[in-house]
Amino acid sequence: MKINPSIMKLNKYSYLLMIFIFFDVYNEIKIIFDHFTFHALYFAFLRHPLAFFMIFTFPYLNMKLNKIKLFN
């Protein structure tokens, strides 16, 4: 199987993006895990909508990248 370097860069980029997203919402996640309230969850989504959107869509993005990798 031939490994395409551009796909490898995309995959590394997506994992790096995920690390930065979790770094961005680290305090919010820590508050939610320590004292879970729906109020804290609501304001975490309001303060970081893009980060939570990326967290929830990361499995779909990773699946699409893996499909591209298979076709090359």
Protein backbone atom coordinates (compact mmCIF):
# COMPACT_ATOMS: atom_id res chain seq x y z
CA MET A 1 0.00 0.00 0.00
CA LYS A 2 1.37 3.35 -1.04
CA ILE A 3 1.36 6.07 1.64
CA ASN A 4 0.47 9.53 0.42
CA PRO A 5 2.42 12.24 2.33
CA SER A 6 -0.31 14.85 1.85
CA ILE A 7 -2.87 12.61 3.56
CA MET A 8 -0.45 11.99 6.40
CA LYS A 9 -0.08 15.77 6.81
CA LEU A 10 -3.86 16.20 6.86
CA ASN A 11 -4.24 13.51 9.48
CA LYS A 12 -1.50 15.02 11.66
CA TYR A 13 -3.09 18.43 11.19
CA SER A 14 -6.46 17.16 12.36
CA TYR A 15 -4.97 15.66 15.53
CA LEU A 16 -3.04 18.86 16.21
CA LEU A 17 -6.27 20.80 15.75
CA MET A 18 -7.99 18.53 18.27
CA ILE A 19 -5.24 19.13 20.83
CA PHE A 20 -5.64 22.90 20.46
CA ILE A 21 -9.42 22.62 20.78
CA PHE A 22 -9.15 20.69 24.03
CA PHE A 23 -6.57 23.20 25.25
CA ASP A 24 -9.11 25.96 24.52
CA VAL A 25 -11.96 24.34 26.45
CA TYR A 26 -9.87 22.73 29.19
CA ASN A 27 -11.18 24.98 31.99
CA GLU A 28 -14.78 24.55 30.88
CA ILE A 29 -14.44 20.76 30.76
CA LYS A 30 -12.76 20.74 34.17
CA ILE A 31 -15.65 22.75 35.69
CA ILE A 32 -18.23 20.48 34.07
CA PHE A 33 -16.53 17.30 35.32
CA ASP A 34 -16.01 18.68 38.85
CA HIS A 35 -19.50 20.07 39.39
CA PHE A 36 -21.86 19.11 36.60
CA THR A 37 -24.77 21.45 36.14
CA PHE A 38 -26.79 22.12 33.05
CA HIS A 39 -26.06 25.80 33.59
CA ALA A 40 -22.29 25.16 33.28
CA LEU A 41 -22.84 23.00 30.21
CA TYR A 42 -25.00 25.70 28.61
CA PHE A 43 -22.43 28.45 29.15
CA ALA A 44 -19.59 26.21 27.97
CA PHE A 45 -21.42 25.82 24.65
CA LEU A 46 -22.10 29.55 24.49
CA ARG A 47 -18.50 30.55 25.16
CA HIS A 48 -16.87 28.03 22.81
CA PRO A 49 -19.32 27.09 20.05
CA LEU A 50 -16.68 26.40 17.38
CA ALA A 51 -14.63 24.21 19.70
CA PHE A 52 -17.61 22.06 20.65
CA PHE A 53 -18.72 21.85 17.02
CA MET A 54 -15.27 20.57 16.06
CA ILE A 55 -15.24 18.06 18.94
CA PHE A 56 -18.55 16.60 17.80
CA THR A 57 -17.67 16.56 14.09
CA PHE A 58 -14.12 15.20 14.49
CA PRO A 59 -15.14 11.53 14.09
CA TYR A 60 -16.91 12.37 10.80
CA LEU A 61 -13.91 14.35 9.57
CA ASN A 62 -11.54 11.54 10.50
CA MET A 63 -13.76 9.00 8.71
CA LYS A 64 -13.72 11.11 5.54
CA LEU A 65 -9.94 11.48 5.70
CA ASN A 66 -9.58 7.71 6.03
CA LYS A 67 -11.83 7.14 3.01
CA ILE A 68 -9.71 9.55 0.95
CA LYS A 69 -6.63 7.64 2.08
CA LEU A 70 -8.10 4.36 0.80
CA PHE A 71 -8.83 5.73 -2.67
CA ASN A 72 -5.32 7.09 -3.22
